[in-house]
Amino acid sequence: MKITKYHIYQGKDEEKVRVFIEVDNISLEEADKKLKEISNNLTQKLSKKWKCLPLLSLPEAYNIVTLPYKEL
């Protein structure tokens, strides 16, 4: 998987990070498909928990990203 533009920020806790991936204008369906692929790849590599947003399976009110604290 090729990801060229991304930004990493610290979350609320020092153990949490937020990764924002830059993409061109894509549909929610296409974003969901790509995020599932990323999540599947992470499953193979990491034992930590993560969440990818936006997700089609979540109601719109739950597709909320918290603001990052500082850039890493």
PDB file of N, CA and C in Angstrom:
ATOM      1  N   MET A   1       0.846  -1.181   0.000  1.00  0.00           N
ATOM      2  CA  MET A   1       0.000   0.000   0.000  1.00  0.00           C
ATOM      3  C   MET A   1       0.884   1.234   0.000  1.00  0.00           C
ATOM      4  N   LYS A   2       0.580   2.148  -0.861  1.00  0.00           N
ATOM      5  CA  LYS A   2       1.394   3.355  -1.003  1.00  0.00           C
ATOM      6  C   LYS A   2       0.658   4.556  -0.405  1.00  0.00           C
ATOM      7  N   ILE A   3       1.203   5.082   0.672  1.00  0.00           N
ATOM      8  CA  ILE A   3       0.670   6.297   1.308  1.00  0.00           C
ATOM      9  C   ILE A   3       1.780   7.321   1.258  1.00  0.00           C
ATOM     10  N   THR A   4       1.553   8.425   0.558  1.00  0.00           N
ATOM     11  CA  THR A   4       2.634   9.386   0.363  1.00  0.00           C
ATOM     12  C   THR A   4       2.525  10.623   1.250  1.00  0.00           C
ATOM     13  N   LYS A   5       1.311  11.063   1.530  1.00  0.00           N
ATOM     14  CA  LYS A   5       1.159  12.273   2.347  1.00  0.00           C
ATOM     15  C   LYS A   5       0.358  11.949   3.599  1.00  0.00           C
ATOM     16  N   TYR A   6       0.995  12.131   4.739  1.00  0.00           N
ATOM     17  CA  TYR A   6       0.316  11.890   6.006  1.00  0.00           C
ATOM     18  C   TYR A   6       0.922  12.797   7.077  1.00  0.00           C
ATOM     19  N   HIS A   7       0.193  12.973   8.151  1.00  0.00           N
ATOM     20  CA  HIS A   7       0.631  13.815   9.269  1.00  0.00           C
ATOM     21  C   HIS A   7       0.381  13.036  10.553  1.00  0.00           C
ATOM     22  N   ILE A   8       1.343  13.082  11.460  1.00  0.00           N
ATOM     23  CA  ILE A   8       1.234  12.355  12.724  1.00  0.00           C
ATOM     24  C   ILE A   8       1.164  13.374  13.861  1.00  0.00           C
ATOM     25  N   TYR A   9       0.173  13.179  14.727  1.00  0.00           N
ATOM     26  CA  TYR A   9      -0.036  14.075  15.859  1.00  0.00           C
ATOM     27  C   TYR A   9      -0.172  13.262  17.140  1.00  0.00           C
ATOM     28  N   GLN A  10       0.144  13.896  18.253  1.00  0.00           N
ATOM     29  CA  GLN A  10      -0.067  13.264  19.550  1.00  0.00           C
ATOM     30  C   GLN A  10      -1.535  13.384  19.917  1.00  0.00           C
ATOM     31  N   GLY A  11      -2.064  12.327  20.496  1.00  0.00           N
ATOM     32  CA  GLY A  11      -3.437  12.354  20.981  1.00  0.00           C
ATOM     33  C   GLY A  11      -3.500  12.904  22.387  1.00  0.00           C
ATOM     34  N   LYS A  12      -4.588  12.666  23.060  1.00  0.00           N
ATOM     35  CA  LYS A  12      -4.780  13.166  24.419  1.00  0.00           C
ATOM     36  C   LYS A  12      -3.735  12.592  25.361  1.00  0.00           C
ATOM     37  N   ASP A  13      -3.458  11.301  25.243  1.00  0.00           N
ATOM     38  CA  ASP A  13      -2.430  10.656  26.050  1.00  0.00           C
ATOM     39  C   ASP A  13      -1.165  10.527  25.214  1.00  0.00           C
ATOM     40  N   GLU A  14      -0.013  10.442  25.870  1.00  0.00           N
ATOM     41  CA  GLU A  14       1.243  10.296  25.149  1.00  0.00           C
ATOM     42  C   GLU A  14       1.297   8.982  24.380  1.00  0.00           C
ATOM     43  N   GLU A  15       0.557   7.984  24.820  1.00  0.00           N
ATOM     44  CA  GLU A  15       0.559   6.685  24.157  1.00  0.00           C
ATOM     45  C   GLU A  15      -0.296   6.667  22.895  1.00  0.00           C
ATOM     46  N   LYS A  16      -1.116   7.675  22.705  1.00  0.00           N
ATOM     47  CA  LYS A  16      -2.020   7.710  21.552  1.00  0.00           C
ATOM     48  C   LYS A  16      -1.480   8.657  20.491  1.00  0.00           C
ATOM     49  N   VAL A  17      -1.565   8.210  19.255  1.00  0.00           N
ATOM     50  CA  VAL A  17      -1.195   9.065  18.132  1.00  0.00           C
ATOM     51  C   VAL A  17      -2.355   9.105  17.148  1.00  0.00           C
ATOM     52  N   ARG A  18      -2.401  10.168  16.384  1.00  0.00           N
ATOM     53  CA  ARG A  18      -3.398  10.345  15.330  1.00  0.00           C
ATOM     54  C   ARG A  18      -2.641  10.471  14.024  1.00  0.00           C
ATOM     55  N   VAL A  19      -3.013   9.678  13.047  1.00  0.00           N
ATOM     56  CA  VAL A  19      -2.397   9.753  11.730  1.00  0.00           C
ATOM     57  C   VAL A  19      -3.475  10.197  10.750  1.00  0.00           C
ATOM     58  N   PHE A  20      -3.232  11.320  10.110  1.00  0.00           N
ATOM     59  CA  PHE A  20      -4.158  11.847   9.114  1.00  0.00           C
ATOM     60  C   PHE A  20      -3.521  11.627   7.749  1.00  0.00           C
ATOM     61  N   ILE A  21      -4.246  10.928   6.878  1.00  0.00           N
ATOM     62  CA  ILE A  21      -3.750  10.616   5.537  1.00  0.00           C
ATOM     63  C   ILE A  21      -4.421  11.556   4.544  1.00  0.00           C
ATOM     64  N   GLU A  22      -3.594  12.273   3.780  1.00  0.00           N
ATOM     65  CA  GLU A  22      -4.131  13.178   2.764  1.00  0.00           C
ATOM     66  C   GLU A  22      -4.542  12.388   1.535  1.00  0.00           C
ATOM     67  N   VAL A  23      -5.728  12.682   1.034  1.00  0.00           N
ATOM     68  CA  VAL A  23      -6.213  12.061  -0.196  1.00  0.00           C
ATOM     69  C   VAL A  23      -6.901  13.127  -1.035  1.00  0.00           C
ATOM     70  N   ASP A  24      -7.008  12.837  -2.322  1.00  0.00           N
ATOM     71  CA  ASP A  24      -7.813  13.703  -3.174  1.00  0.00           C
ATOM     72  C   ASP A  24      -9.271  13.469  -2.818  1.00  0.00           C
ATOM     73  N   ASN A  25     -10.139  14.231  -3.405  1.00  0.00           N
ATOM     74  CA  ASN A  25     -11.565  14.121  -3.134  1.00  0.00           C
ATOM     75  C   ASN A  25     -12.058  12.723  -3.525  1.00  0.00           C
ATOM     76  N   ILE A  26     -12.452  11.915  -2.521  1.00  0.00           N
ATOM     77  CA  ILE A  26     -12.965  10.568  -2.779  1.00  0.00           C
ATOM     78  C   ILE A  26     -14.293  10.399  -2.056  1.00  0.00           C
ATOM     79  N   SER A  27     -15.063   9.441  -2.505  1.00  0.00           N
ATOM     80  CA  SER A  27     -16.364   9.190  -1.879  1.00  0.00           C
ATOM     81  C   SER A  27     -16.177   8.490  -0.536  1.00  0.00           C
ATOM     82  N   LEU A  28     -17.206   8.544   0.284  1.00  0.00           N
ATOM     83  CA  LEU A  28     -17.180   7.870   1.573  1.00  0.00           C
ATOM     84  C   LEU A  28     -17.019   6.366   1.384  1.00  0.00           C
ATOM     85  N   GLU A  29     -17.633   5.823   0.361  1.00  0.00           N
ATOM     86  CA  GLU A  29     -17.531   4.388   0.082  1.00  0.00           C
ATOM     87  C   GLU A  29     -16.101   4.001  -0.260  1.00  0.00           C
ATOM     88  N   GLU A  30     -15.440   4.809  -1.079  1.00  0.00           N
ATOM     89  CA  GLU A  30     -14.053   4.530  -1.444  1.00  0.00           C
ATOM     90  C   GLU A  30     -13.133   4.692  -0.236  1.00  0.00           C
ATOM     91  N   ALA A  31     -13.377   5.709   0.576  1.00  0.00           N
ATOM     92  CA  ALA A  31     -12.584   5.904   1.795  1.00  0.00           C
ATOM     93  C   ALA A  31     -12.749   4.718   2.729  1.00  0.00           C
ATOM     94  N   ASP A  32     -13.969   4.236   2.888  1.00  0.00           N
ATOM     95  CA  ASP A  32     -14.238   3.091   3.751  1.00  0.00           C
ATOM     96  C   ASP A  32     -13.479   1.858   3.255  1.00  0.00           C
ATOM     97  N   LYS A  33     -13.475   1.643   1.957  1.00  0.00           N
ATOM     98  CA  LYS A  33     -12.776   0.498   1.369  1.00  0.00           C
ATOM     99  C   LYS A  33     -11.269   0.581   1.638  1.00  0.00           C
ATOM    100  N   LYS A  34     -10.681   1.753   1.424  1.00  0.00           N
ATOM    101  CA  LYS A  34      -9.244   1.936   1.644  1.00  0.00           C
ATOM    102  C   LYS A  34      -8.894   1.813   3.130  1.00  0.00           C
ATOM    103  N   LEU A  35      -9.737   2.340   4.000  1.00  0.00           N
ATOM    104  CA  LEU A  35      -9.468   2.250   5.436  1.00  0.00           C
ATOM    105  C   LEU A  35      -9.581   0.814   5.944  1.00  0.00           C
ATOM    106  N   LYS A  36     -10.479   0.039   5.376  1.00  0.00           N
ATOM    107  CA  LYS A  36     -10.555  -1.384   5.744  1.00  0.00           C
ATOM    108  C   LYS A  36      -9.283  -2.105   5.337  1.00  0.00           C
ATOM    109  N   GLU A  37      -8.743  -1.753   4.180  1.00  0.00           N
ATOM    110  CA  GLU A  37      -7.482  -2.344   3.728  1.00  0.00           C
ATOM    111  C   GLU A  37      -6.345  -1.972   4.681  1.00  0.00           C
ATOM    112  N   ILE A  38      -6.281  -0.709   5.082  1.00  0.00           N
ATOM    113  CA  ILE A  38      -5.266  -0.266   6.041  1.00  0.00           C
ATOM    114  C   ILE A  38      -5.435  -1.011   7.362  1.00  0.00           C
ATOM    115  N   SER A  39      -6.658  -1.110   7.844  1.00  0.00           N
ATOM    116  CA  SER A  39      -6.929  -1.789   9.105  1.00  0.00           C
ATOM    117  C   SER A  39      -6.519  -3.260   9.033  1.00  0.00           C
ATOM    118  N   ASN A  40      -6.800  -3.924   7.924  1.00  0.00           N
ATOM    119  CA  ASN A  40      -6.396  -5.320   7.760  1.00  0.00           C
ATOM    120  C   ASN A  40      -4.877  -5.464   7.783  1.00  0.00           C
ATOM    121  N   ASN A  41      -4.172  -4.531   7.162  1.00  0.00           N
ATOM    122  CA  ASN A  41      -2.709  -4.556   7.184  1.00  0.00           C
ATOM    123  C   ASN A  41      -2.173  -4.320   8.593  1.00  0.00           C
ATOM    124  N   LEU A  42      -2.800  -3.417   9.336  1.00  0.00           N
ATOM    125  CA  LEU A  42      -2.372  -3.168  10.706  1.00  0.00           C
ATOM    126  C   LEU A  42      -2.596  -4.391  11.592  1.00  0.00           C
ATOM    127  N   THR A  43      -3.663  -5.122  11.351  1.00  0.00           N
ATOM    128  CA  THR A  43      -3.953  -6.335  12.119  1.00  0.00           C
ATOM    129  C   THR A  43      -2.798  -7.323  12.018  1.00  0.00           C
ATOM    130  N   GLN A  44      -2.179  -7.388  10.865  1.00  0.00           N
ATOM    131  CA  GLN A  44      -1.082  -8.326  10.651  1.00  0.00           C
ATOM    132  C   GLN A  44       0.216  -7.869  11.305  1.00  0.00           C
ATOM    133  N   LYS A  45       0.353  -6.577  11.581  1.00  0.00           N
ATOM    134  CA  LYS A  45       1.620  -6.030  12.060  1.00  0.00           C
ATOM    135  C   LYS A  45       1.630  -5.582  13.524  1.00  0.00           C
ATOM    136  N   LEU A  46       0.467  -5.210  14.065  1.00  0.00           N
ATOM    137  CA  LEU A  46       0.428  -4.588  15.390  1.00  0.00           C
ATOM    138  C   LEU A  46      -0.448  -5.357  16.365  1.00  0.00           C
ATOM    139  N   SER A  47      -0.095  -5.268  17.629  1.00  0.00           N
ATOM    140  CA  SER A  47      -0.949  -5.837  18.677  1.00  0.00           C
ATOM    141  C   SER A  47      -1.760  -4.745  19.377  1.00  0.00           C
ATOM    142  N   LYS A  48      -1.518  -3.488  19.020  1.00  0.00           N
ATOM    143  CA  LYS A  48      -2.236  -2.357  19.621  1.00  0.00           C
ATOM    144  C   LYS A  48      -3.626  -2.208  19.008  1.00  0.00           C
ATOM    145  N   LYS A  49      -4.465  -1.402  19.672  1.00  0.00           N
ATOM    146  CA  LYS A  49      -5.794  -1.101  19.140  1.00  0.00           C
ATOM    147  C   LYS A  49      -5.733   0.181  18.319  1.00  0.00           C
ATOM    148  N   TRP A  50      -6.636   0.307  17.356  1.00  0.00           N
ATOM    149  CA  TRP A  50      -6.740   1.505  16.547  1.00  0.00           C
ATOM    150  C   TRP A  50      -8.159   1.640  16.027  1.00  0.00           C
ATOM    151  N   LYS A  51      -8.407   2.810  15.480  1.00  0.00           N
ATOM    152  CA  LYS A  51      -9.714   3.088  14.880  1.00  0.00           C
ATOM    153  C   LYS A  51      -9.462   3.878  13.601  1.00  0.00           C
ATOM    154  N   CYS A  52     -10.131   3.506  12.543  1.00  0.00           N
ATOM    155  CA  CYS A  52     -10.041   4.223  11.274  1.00  0.00           C
ATOM    156  C   CYS A  52     -11.366   4.936  11.038  1.00  0.00           C
ATOM    157  N   LEU A  53     -11.300   6.210  10.713  1.00  0.00           N
ATOM    158  CA  LEU A  53     -12.508   6.989  10.438  1.00  0.00           C
ATOM    159  C   LEU A  53     -12.352   7.730   9.129  1.00  0.00           C
ATOM    160  N   PRO A  54     -13.398   7.920   8.368  1.00  0.00           N
ATOM    161  CA  PRO A  54     -14.792   7.584   8.611  1.00  0.00           C
ATOM    162  C   PRO A  54     -15.085   6.119   8.262  1.00  0.00           C
ATOM    163  N   LEU A  55     -16.151   5.593   8.867  1.00  0.00           N
ATOM    164  CA  LEU A  55     -16.606   4.231   8.606  1.00  0.00           C
ATOM    165  C   LEU A  55     -18.076   4.255   8.204  1.00  0.00           C
ATOM    166  N   LEU A  56     -18.402   3.520   7.178  1.00  0.00           N
ATOM    167  CA  LEU A  56     -19.798   3.437   6.751  1.00  0.00           C
ATOM    168  C   LEU A  56     -20.662   2.744   7.791  1.00  0.00           C
ATOM    169  N   SER A  57     -20.070   1.855   8.587  1.00  0.00           N
ATOM    170  CA  SER A  57     -20.842   1.092   9.565  1.00  0.00           C
ATOM    171  C   SER A  57     -21.226   1.916  10.799  1.00  0.00           C
ATOM    172  N   LEU A  58     -20.639   3.099  10.952  1.00  0.00           N
ATOM    173  CA  LEU A  58     -20.981   3.962  12.086  1.00  0.00           C
ATOM    174  C   LEU A  58     -21.976   5.033  11.673  1.00  0.00           C
ATOM    175  N   PRO A  59     -22.865   5.403  12.579  1.00  0.00           N
ATOM    176  CA  PRO A  59     -23.741   6.551  12.283  1.00  0.00           C
ATOM    177  C   PRO A  59     -22.892   7.817  12.133  1.00  0.00           C
ATOM    178  N   GLU A  60     -23.380   8.755  11.385  1.00  0.00           N
ATOM    179  CA  GLU A  60     -22.630   9.991  11.136  1.00  0.00           C
ATOM    180  C   GLU A  60     -22.188  10.671  12.436  1.00  0.00           C
ATOM    181  N   ALA A  61     -23.020  10.618  13.465  1.00  0.00           N
ATOM    182  CA  ALA A  61     -22.699  11.270  14.737  1.00  0.00           C
ATOM    183  C   ALA A  61     -21.495  10.636  15.432  1.00  0.00           C
ATOM    184  N   TYR A  62     -21.148   9.404  15.070  1.00  0.00           N
ATOM    185  CA  TYR A  62     -20.014   8.716  15.699  1.00  0.00           C
ATOM    186  C   TYR A  62     -18.753   8.766  14.846  1.00  0.00           C
ATOM    187  N   ASN A  63     -18.824   9.281  13.656  1.00  0.00           N
ATOM    188  CA  ASN A  63     -17.654   9.444  12.799  1.00  0.00           C
ATOM    189  C   ASN A  63     -16.968  10.762  13.131  1.00  0.00           C
ATOM    190  N   ILE A  64     -16.495  10.867  14.354  1.00  0.00           N
ATOM    191  CA  ILE A  64     -15.917  12.107  14.862  1.00  0.00           C
ATOM    192  C   ILE A  64     -14.449  11.873  15.192  1.00  0.00           C
ATOM    193  N   VAL A  65     -13.601  12.762  14.711  1.00  0.00           N
ATOM    194  CA  VAL A  65     -12.178  12.700  15.020  1.00  0.00           C
ATOM    195  C   VAL A  65     -11.886  13.790  16.042  1.00  0.00           C
ATOM    196  N   THR A  66     -11.220  13.429  17.125  1.00  0.00           N
ATOM    197  CA  THR A  66     -10.845  14.439  18.115  1.00  0.00           C
ATOM    198  C   THR A  66      -9.665  15.243  17.598  1.00  0.00           C
ATOM    199  N   LEU A  67      -9.572  16.470  18.024  1.00  0.00           N
ATOM    200  CA  LEU A  67      -8.487  17.338  17.579  1.00  0.00           C
ATOM    201  C   LEU A  67      -7.163  16.865  18.177  1.00  0.00           C
ATOM    202  N   PRO A  68      -6.101  16.913  17.385  1.00  0.00           N
ATOM    203  CA  PRO A  68      -4.790  16.498  17.897  1.00  0.00           C
ATOM    204  C   PRO A  68      -4.216  17.546  18.844  1.00  0.00           C
ATOM    205  N   TYR A  69      -3.266  17.121  19.658  1.00  0.00           N
ATOM    206  CA  TYR A  69      -2.654  18.028  20.632  1.00  0.00           C
ATOM    207  C   TYR A  69      -1.394  18.710  20.092  1.00  0.00           C
ATOM    208  N   LYS A  70      -0.510  17.926  19.452  1.00  0.00           N
ATOM    209  CA  LYS A  70       0.673  18.543  18.858  1.00  0.00           C
ATOM    210  C   LYS A  70       1.224  17.635  17.780  1.00  0.00           C
ATOM    211  N   GLU A  71       1.918  18.245  16.837  1.00  0.00           N
ATOM    212  CA  GLU A  71       2.494  17.474  15.722  1.00  0.00           C
ATOM    213  C   GLU A  71       3.748  16.754  16.198  1.00  0.00           C
ATOM    214  N   LEU A  72       3.886  15.531  15.740  1.00  0.00           N
ATOM    215  CA  LEU A  72       5.081  14.745  16.089  1.00  0.00           C
ATOM    216  C   LEU A  72       6.021  14.660  14.911  1.00  0.00           C
TER     217      LEU A  72
END
